[in-house]
Amino acid sequence: MLFSRRGHGRVTVTEAHRAVQEGTALLLDVREADEWQAGHAPGACHLPLSGLAAGADVPGAGTAATVVVICRSGRRSQAAVRLLSQRGQDATDVVGGMERWTRQGLPVQDERGGVGTVI
């Protein structure tokens, strides 16, 4: 991985944002559809945790060295990292999720590309 991990495979929102911008990681948002539609990080892909648990493949995961997983606060993303790791995928969790992402002033867009919110 090209950015430093925190603790047990966790990164800060700033590290995650930088890695996605540099193209060294895929940002996977595992929140539900209504949460995603209200607001998500630009460049993220969406796959709810329930879909991942049911065996769905991560869109674009084969092209990324690392999957960086985000949810609202961090609980679902940690579960997703465990599932992905069991599949042999290099995955890490974003500490604080989209709540911290927005507190840090990082961009959030809605499903139409406008300014989004985190619900």
C-alpha atoms as a PDB file:
ATOM      1  CA  MET A   1       0.000   0.000   0.000  1.00  0.00           C
ATOM      2  CA  LEU A   2       1.301   3.437  -0.844  1.00  0.00           C
ATOM      3  CA  PHE A   3      -0.020   5.250   2.236  1.00  0.00           C
ATOM      4  CA  SER A   4       0.516   4.512   5.892  1.00  0.00           C
ATOM      5  CA  ARG A   5      -1.939   2.461   7.864  1.00  0.00           C
ATOM      6  CA  ARG A   6      -3.171   3.388  11.322  1.00  0.00           C
ATOM      7  CA  GLY A   7      -3.486   0.610  13.867  1.00  0.00           C
ATOM      8  CA  HIS A   8      -5.162  -2.462  12.402  1.00  0.00           C
ATOM      9  CA  GLY A   9      -5.511  -1.630   8.730  1.00  0.00           C
ATOM     10  CA  ARG A  10      -7.120   1.770   9.199  1.00  0.00           C
ATOM     11  CA  VAL A  11      -6.408   5.082   7.485  1.00  0.00           C
ATOM     12  CA  THR A  12      -7.462   8.656   8.092  1.00  0.00           C
ATOM     13  CA  VAL A  13      -9.915  10.398   5.794  1.00  0.00           C
ATOM     14  CA  THR A  14      -7.071  12.582   4.535  1.00  0.00           C
ATOM     15  CA  GLU A  15      -4.966   9.536   3.654  1.00  0.00           C
ATOM     16  CA  ALA A  16      -7.937   7.891   1.936  1.00  0.00           C
ATOM     17  CA  HIS A  17      -8.763  11.032  -0.050  1.00  0.00           C
ATOM     18  CA  ARG A  18      -5.148  11.417  -1.173  1.00  0.00           C
ATOM     19  CA  ALA A  19      -4.859   7.754  -2.215  1.00  0.00           C
ATOM     20  CA  VAL A  20      -8.051   7.952  -4.268  1.00  0.00           C
ATOM     21  CA  GLN A  21      -6.909  11.180  -5.947  1.00  0.00           C
ATOM     22  CA  GLU A  22      -3.531   9.603  -6.761  1.00  0.00           C
ATOM     23  CA  GLY A  23      -5.235   6.502  -8.154  1.00  0.00           C
ATOM     24  CA  THR A  24      -3.538   4.131  -5.708  1.00  0.00           C
ATOM     25  CA  ALA A  25      -6.772   2.993  -4.044  1.00  0.00           C
ATOM     26  CA  LEU A  26     -10.420   2.393  -4.800  1.00  0.00           C
ATOM     27  CA  LEU A  27     -12.836   4.027  -2.340  1.00  0.00           C
ATOM     28  CA  LEU A  28     -15.731   1.662  -1.625  1.00  0.00           C
ATOM     29  CA  ASP A  29     -18.787   3.125   0.109  1.00  0.00           C
ATOM     30  CA  VAL A  30     -20.739   0.361   1.881  1.00  0.00           C
ATOM     31  CA  ARG A  31     -23.657   2.482   3.101  1.00  0.00           C
ATOM     32  CA  GLU A  32     -27.234   1.925   1.981  1.00  0.00           C
ATOM     33  CA  ALA A  33     -28.606   3.401  -1.249  1.00  0.00           C
ATOM     34  CA  ASP A  34     -30.404   6.335   0.404  1.00  0.00           C
ATOM     35  CA  GLU A  35     -27.217   7.334   2.232  1.00  0.00           C
ATOM     36  CA  TRP A  36     -25.171   7.081  -0.980  1.00  0.00           C
ATOM     37  CA  GLN A  37     -27.682   9.118  -2.975  1.00  0.00           C
ATOM     38  CA  ALA A  38     -27.736  11.923  -0.391  1.00  0.00           C
ATOM     39  CA  GLY A  39     -23.979  12.295  -0.485  1.00  0.00           C
ATOM     40  CA  HIS A  40     -20.773  10.396  -1.111  1.00  0.00           C
ATOM     41  CA  ALA A  41     -17.122  11.072  -1.838  1.00  0.00           C
ATOM     42  CA  PRO A  42     -16.383  11.920  -5.482  1.00  0.00           C
ATOM     43  CA  GLY A  43     -14.794   8.960  -7.236  1.00  0.00           C
ATOM     44  CA  ALA A  44     -16.172   6.402  -4.785  1.00  0.00           C
ATOM     45  CA  CYS A  45     -17.985   3.294  -5.917  1.00  0.00           C
ATOM     46  CA  HIS A  46     -21.031   1.963  -4.123  1.00  0.00           C
ATOM     47  CA  LEU A  47     -21.739  -1.519  -2.835  1.00  0.00           C
ATOM     48  CA  PRO A  48     -23.871  -1.830   0.308  1.00  0.00           C
ATOM     49  CA  LEU A  49     -22.488  -4.097   3.007  1.00  0.00           C
ATOM     50  CA  SER A  50     -25.478  -6.406   2.505  1.00  0.00           C
ATOM     51  CA  GLY A  51     -24.490  -6.905  -1.136  1.00  0.00           C
ATOM     52  CA  LEU A  52     -20.893  -7.548  -0.213  1.00  0.00           C
ATOM     53  CA  ALA A  53     -21.985 -10.059   2.428  1.00  0.00           C
ATOM     54  CA  ALA A  54     -24.132 -11.794  -0.214  1.00  0.00           C
ATOM     55  CA  GLY A  55     -21.021 -12.304  -2.345  1.00  0.00           C
ATOM     56  CA  ALA A  56     -21.210  -9.404  -4.799  1.00  0.00           C
ATOM     57  CA  ASP A  57     -17.952  -8.392  -6.423  1.00  0.00           C
ATOM     58  CA  VAL A  58     -16.485  -4.963  -5.780  1.00  0.00           C
ATOM     59  CA  PRO A  59     -16.720  -2.895  -8.971  1.00  0.00           C
ATOM     60  CA  GLY A  60     -13.218  -2.034 -10.139  1.00  0.00           C
ATOM     61  CA  ALA A  61     -11.448  -3.910  -7.340  1.00  0.00           C
ATOM     62  CA  GLY A  62      -9.265  -5.794  -9.791  1.00  0.00           C
ATOM     63  CA  THR A  63      -7.710  -2.556 -10.995  1.00  0.00           C
ATOM     64  CA  ALA A  64      -6.884  -1.151  -7.551  1.00  0.00           C
ATOM     65  CA  ALA A  65      -3.997  -2.217  -5.361  1.00  0.00           C
ATOM     66  CA  THR A  66      -6.094  -1.491  -2.292  1.00  0.00           C
ATOM     67  CA  VAL A  67      -9.760  -1.094  -1.530  1.00  0.00           C
ATOM     68  CA  VAL A  68     -10.367   1.665   1.008  1.00  0.00           C
ATOM     69  CA  VAL A  69     -13.742   1.099   2.653  1.00  0.00           C
ATOM     70  CA  ILE A  70     -15.939   3.844   4.076  1.00  0.00           C
ATOM     71  CA  CYS A  71     -19.366   3.996   5.702  1.00  0.00           C
ATOM     72  CA  ARG A  72     -21.072   6.610   7.858  1.00  0.00           C
ATOM     73  CA  SER A  73     -19.096   6.187  11.079  1.00  0.00           C
ATOM     74  CA  GLY A  74     -16.800   3.180  10.727  1.00  0.00           C
ATOM     75  CA  ARG A  75     -18.713   0.131  11.942  1.00  0.00           C
ATOM     76  CA  ARG A  76     -19.950  -1.235   8.595  1.00  0.00           C
ATOM     77  CA  SER A  77     -16.640  -0.490   6.901  1.00  0.00           C
ATOM     78  CA  GLN A  78     -14.780  -2.590   9.462  1.00  0.00           C
ATOM     79  CA  ALA A  79     -17.135  -5.513   8.758  1.00  0.00           C
ATOM     80  CA  ALA A  80     -16.601  -5.014   5.016  1.00  0.00           C
ATOM     81  CA  VAL A  81     -12.812  -5.040   5.455  1.00  0.00           C
ATOM     82  CA  ARG A  82     -13.079  -8.379   7.265  1.00  0.00           C
ATOM     83  CA  LEU A  83     -15.173  -9.828   4.404  1.00  0.00           C
ATOM     84  CA  LEU A  84     -12.809  -8.519   1.732  1.00  0.00           C
ATOM     85  CA  SER A  85      -9.752  -9.770   3.612  1.00  0.00           C
ATOM     86  CA  GLN A  86     -11.306 -13.242   3.785  1.00  0.00           C
ATOM     87  CA  ARG A  87     -11.552 -13.084  -0.027  1.00  0.00           C
ATOM     88  CA  GLY A  88      -7.866 -12.209  -0.295  1.00  0.00           C
ATOM     89  CA  GLN A  89      -8.437  -8.543  -1.205  1.00  0.00           C
ATOM     90  CA  ASP A  90      -6.124  -5.904   0.286  1.00  0.00           C
ATOM     91  CA  ALA A  91      -8.619  -3.677   2.103  1.00  0.00           C
ATOM     92  CA  THR A  92      -8.453  -1.029   4.776  1.00  0.00           C
ATOM     93  CA  ASP A  93     -10.983   0.950   6.789  1.00  0.00           C
ATOM     94  CA  VAL A  94     -11.398   4.734   6.906  1.00  0.00           C
ATOM     95  CA  VAL A  95     -11.432   5.939  10.522  1.00  0.00           C
ATOM     96  CA  GLY A  96     -14.539   7.986  11.315  1.00  0.00           C
ATOM     97  CA  GLY A  97     -16.240   7.359   7.969  1.00  0.00           C
ATOM     98  CA  MET A  98     -18.187   9.954   6.053  1.00  0.00           C
ATOM     99  CA  GLU A  99     -18.984  11.837   9.259  1.00  0.00           C
ATOM    100  CA  ARG A 100     -15.290  12.615   9.735  1.00  0.00           C
ATOM    101  CA  TRP A 101     -14.851  13.111   5.967  1.00  0.00           C
ATOM    102  CA  THR A 102     -17.326  16.004   6.050  1.00  0.00           C
ATOM    103  CA  ARG A 103     -15.925  17.441   9.306  1.00  0.00           C
ATOM    104  CA  GLN A 104     -12.526  17.608   7.589  1.00  0.00           C
ATOM    105  CA  GLY A 105     -14.085  19.618   4.757  1.00  0.00           C
ATOM    106  CA  LEU A 106     -13.497  16.975   2.096  1.00  0.00           C
ATOM    107  CA  PRO A 107     -15.857  17.023  -0.912  1.00  0.00           C
ATOM    108  CA  VAL A 108     -19.247  15.309  -0.859  1.00  0.00           C
ATOM    109  CA  GLN A 109     -21.540  15.041  -3.867  1.00  0.00           C
ATOM    110  CA  ASP A 110     -25.077  13.795  -4.344  1.00  0.00           C
ATOM    111  CA  GLU A 111     -26.199  11.315  -6.999  1.00  0.00           C
ATOM    112  CA  ARG A 112     -26.533  14.130  -9.571  1.00  0.00           C
ATOM    113  CA  GLY A 113     -23.043  15.513  -8.935  1.00  0.00           C
ATOM    114  CA  GLY A 114     -24.229  18.456  -6.831  1.00  0.00           C
ATOM    115  CA  VAL A 115     -23.188  19.221  -3.280  1.00  0.00           C
ATOM    116  CA  GLY A 116     -24.258  16.318  -1.086  1.00  0.00           C
ATOM    117  CA  THR A 117     -24.900  15.712   2.584  1.00  0.00           C
ATOM    118  CA  VAL A 118     -24.184  12.830   4.912  1.00  0.00           C
ATOM    119  CA  ILE A 119     -27.285  11.278   6.484  1.00  0.00           C
END
